C-alpha atoms as a PDB file:
ATOM      1  CA  UNK A   1      -1.303 -18.929   9.161  1.00  0.00           C
ATOM      2  CA  UNK A   2      -4.355 -20.793   7.869  1.00  0.00           C
ATOM      3  CA  UNK A   3      -6.594 -18.042   9.207  1.00  0.00           C
ATOM      4  CA  UNK A   4      -4.442 -15.272   7.665  1.00  0.00           C
ATOM      5  CA  UNK A   5      -4.335 -17.051   4.286  1.00  0.00           C
ATOM      6  CA  UNK A   6      -8.062 -17.804   4.200  1.00  0.00           C
ATOM      7  CA  UNK A   7      -9.552 -16.602   0.872  1.00  0.00           C
ATOM      8  CA  UNK A   8      -6.151 -15.386  -0.335  1.00  0.00           C
ATOM      9  CA  UNK A   9      -4.111 -16.705  -3.229  1.00  0.00           C
ATOM     10  CA  UNK A  10      -0.407 -17.437  -2.784  1.00  0.00           C
ATOM     11  CA  UNK A  11       1.673 -16.301  -5.735  1.00  0.00           C
ATOM     12  CA  UNK A  12       5.342 -17.224  -5.603  1.00  0.00           C
ATOM     13  CA  UNK A  13       7.780 -14.442  -6.463  1.00  0.00           C
ATOM     14  CA  UNK A  14       9.151 -16.591  -9.286  1.00  0.00           C
ATOM     15  CA  UNK A  15       5.609 -16.714 -10.757  1.00  0.00           C
ATOM     16  CA  UNK A  16       4.847 -13.026 -10.351  1.00  0.00           C
ATOM     17  CA  UNK A  17       5.912 -11.849 -13.810  1.00  0.00           C
ATOM     18  CA  UNK A  18       3.837 -14.467 -15.629  1.00  0.00           C
ATOM     19  CA  UNK A  19       0.833 -13.920 -13.320  1.00  0.00           C
ATOM     20  CA  UNK A  20       0.943 -10.163 -13.963  1.00  0.00           C
ATOM     21  CA  UNK A  21       0.805 -10.876 -17.703  1.00  0.00           C
ATOM     22  CA  UNK A  22      -2.092 -13.339 -17.534  1.00  0.00           C
ATOM     23  CA  UNK A  23      -4.247 -12.322 -14.554  1.00  0.00           C
ATOM     24  CA  UNK A  24      -5.749  -9.123 -13.220  1.00  0.00           C
ATOM     25  CA  UNK A  25      -4.164  -9.223  -9.767  1.00  0.00           C
ATOM     26  CA  UNK A  26      -5.948  -6.053  -8.709  1.00  0.00           C
ATOM     27  CA  UNK A  27      -9.156  -8.077  -8.498  1.00  0.00           C
ATOM     28  CA  UNK A  28      -7.772 -10.853  -6.273  1.00  0.00           C
ATOM     29  CA  UNK A  29      -6.583 -10.851  -2.667  1.00  0.00           C
ATOM     30  CA  UNK A  30      -3.104 -12.315  -3.070  1.00  0.00           C
ATOM     31  CA  UNK A  31       0.087 -12.590  -1.031  1.00  0.00           C
ATOM     32  CA  UNK A  32       3.689 -13.461  -1.685  1.00  0.00           C
ATOM     33  CA  UNK A  33       6.718 -14.273   0.428  1.00  0.00           C
ATOM     34  CA  UNK A  34      10.343 -13.508  -0.245  1.00  0.00           C
ATOM     35  CA  UNK A  35      13.787 -13.761   1.231  1.00  0.00           C
ATOM     36  CA  UNK A  36      16.143 -10.782   1.091  1.00  0.00           C
ATOM     37  CA  UNK A  37      18.974 -12.229  -0.985  1.00  0.00           C
ATOM     38  CA  UNK A  38      20.803  -8.940  -1.568  1.00  0.00           C
ATOM     39  CA  UNK A  39      20.730  -5.452  -0.116  1.00  0.00           C
ATOM     40  CA  UNK A  40      22.170  -2.436  -1.891  1.00  0.00           C
ATOM     41  CA  UNK A  41      23.788   0.217   0.313  1.00  0.00           C
ATOM     42  CA  UNK A  42      21.172   2.941   0.958  1.00  0.00           C
ATOM     43  CA  UNK A  43      21.114   5.527  -1.826  1.00  0.00           C
ATOM     44  CA  UNK A  44      20.230   9.216  -1.957  1.00  0.00           C
ATOM     45  CA  UNK A  45      17.550  10.323  -4.402  1.00  0.00           C
ATOM     46  CA  UNK A  46      17.764  13.595  -6.341  1.00  0.00           C
ATOM     47  CA  UNK A  47      15.544  15.203  -3.689  1.00  0.00           C
ATOM     48  CA  UNK A  48      18.068  14.266  -0.984  1.00  0.00           C
ATOM     49  CA  UNK A  49      15.946  11.581   0.629  1.00  0.00           C
ATOM     50  CA  UNK A  50      17.496   8.202   1.346  1.00  0.00           C
ATOM     51  CA  UNK A  51      16.049   4.920   0.078  1.00  0.00           C
ATOM     52  CA  UNK A  52      16.983   1.245   0.030  1.00  0.00           C
ATOM     53  CA  UNK A  53      16.806  -1.460  -2.600  1.00  0.00           C
ATOM     54  CA  UNK A  54      16.343  -5.105  -1.691  1.00  0.00           C
ATOM     55  CA  UNK A  55      16.498  -8.068  -4.067  1.00  0.00           C
ATOM     56  CA  UNK A  56      13.941 -10.686  -3.057  1.00  0.00           C
ATOM     57  CA  UNK A  57      13.681 -14.325  -4.087  1.00  0.00           C
ATOM     58  CA  UNK A  58      11.404 -17.254  -3.189  1.00  0.00           C
ATOM     59  CA  UNK A  59      14.333 -19.743  -3.256  1.00  0.00           C
ATOM     60  CA  UNK A  60      12.653 -21.795  -6.016  1.00  0.00           C
ATOM     61  CA  UNK A  61      14.391 -20.146  -8.950  1.00  0.00           C
ATOM     62  CA  UNK A  62      17.446 -18.121  -7.971  1.00  0.00           C
ATOM     63  CA  UNK A  63      17.440 -16.428 -11.389  1.00  0.00           C
ATOM     64  CA  UNK A  64      14.036 -14.831 -10.713  1.00  0.00           C
ATOM     65  CA  UNK A  65      14.408 -11.904  -8.311  1.00  0.00           C
ATOM     66  CA  UNK A  66      12.193  -8.941  -7.578  1.00  0.00           C
ATOM     67  CA  UNK A  67      13.652  -5.558  -6.655  1.00  0.00           C
ATOM     68  CA  UNK A  68      11.862  -3.815  -3.801  1.00  0.00           C
ATOM     69  CA  UNK A  69      12.465  -0.091  -3.293  1.00  0.00           C
ATOM     70  CA  UNK A  70      11.909   1.250   0.233  1.00  0.00           C
ATOM     71  CA  UNK A  71      11.192   4.967   0.675  1.00  0.00           C
ATOM     72  CA  UNK A  72      10.147   7.302   3.482  1.00  0.00           C
ATOM     73  CA  UNK A  73       8.984   5.798   6.762  1.00  0.00           C
ATOM     74  CA  UNK A  74       9.301   2.246   5.410  1.00  0.00           C
ATOM     75  CA  UNK A  75      12.982   2.851   4.638  1.00  0.00           C
ATOM     76  CA  UNK A  76      13.564   4.462   8.054  1.00  0.00           C
ATOM     77  CA  UNK A  77      11.921   1.564   9.874  1.00  0.00           C
ATOM     78  CA  UNK A  78      13.372  -1.351   7.892  1.00  0.00           C
ATOM     79  CA  UNK A  79      16.710  -0.363   6.309  1.00  0.00           C
ATOM     80  CA  UNK A  80      18.675  -2.320   8.933  1.00  0.00           C
ATOM     81  CA  UNK A  81      16.787  -5.577   8.225  1.00  0.00           C
ATOM     82  CA  UNK A  82      19.329  -8.333   7.689  1.00  0.00           C
ATOM     83  CA  UNK A  83      19.966 -10.155   4.439  1.00  0.00           C
ATOM     84  CA  UNK A  84      18.379 -13.616   4.670  1.00  0.00           C
ATOM     85  CA  UNK A  85      15.277 -12.332   6.437  1.00  0.00           C
ATOM     86  CA  UNK A  86      11.902 -13.592   5.145  1.00  0.00           C
END
């Protein structure tokens, strides 16, 4: 993990909103981690394609969640991922 995180900045999901407002994250190599705390039943878009929505949290502040939308191949590969997965 030390090798993978070398020269990268960890930004907690609960900090993401404030960091987006104060820093230009496009200029930094950053990572975040999250736990799937809620999964919405897969939905159909207007074009007929199916997608998933996950609510992610870093378990520091349960009121701060990020919604992650999965489309296309990512949805097909990961839609069965279990709630509670990191």
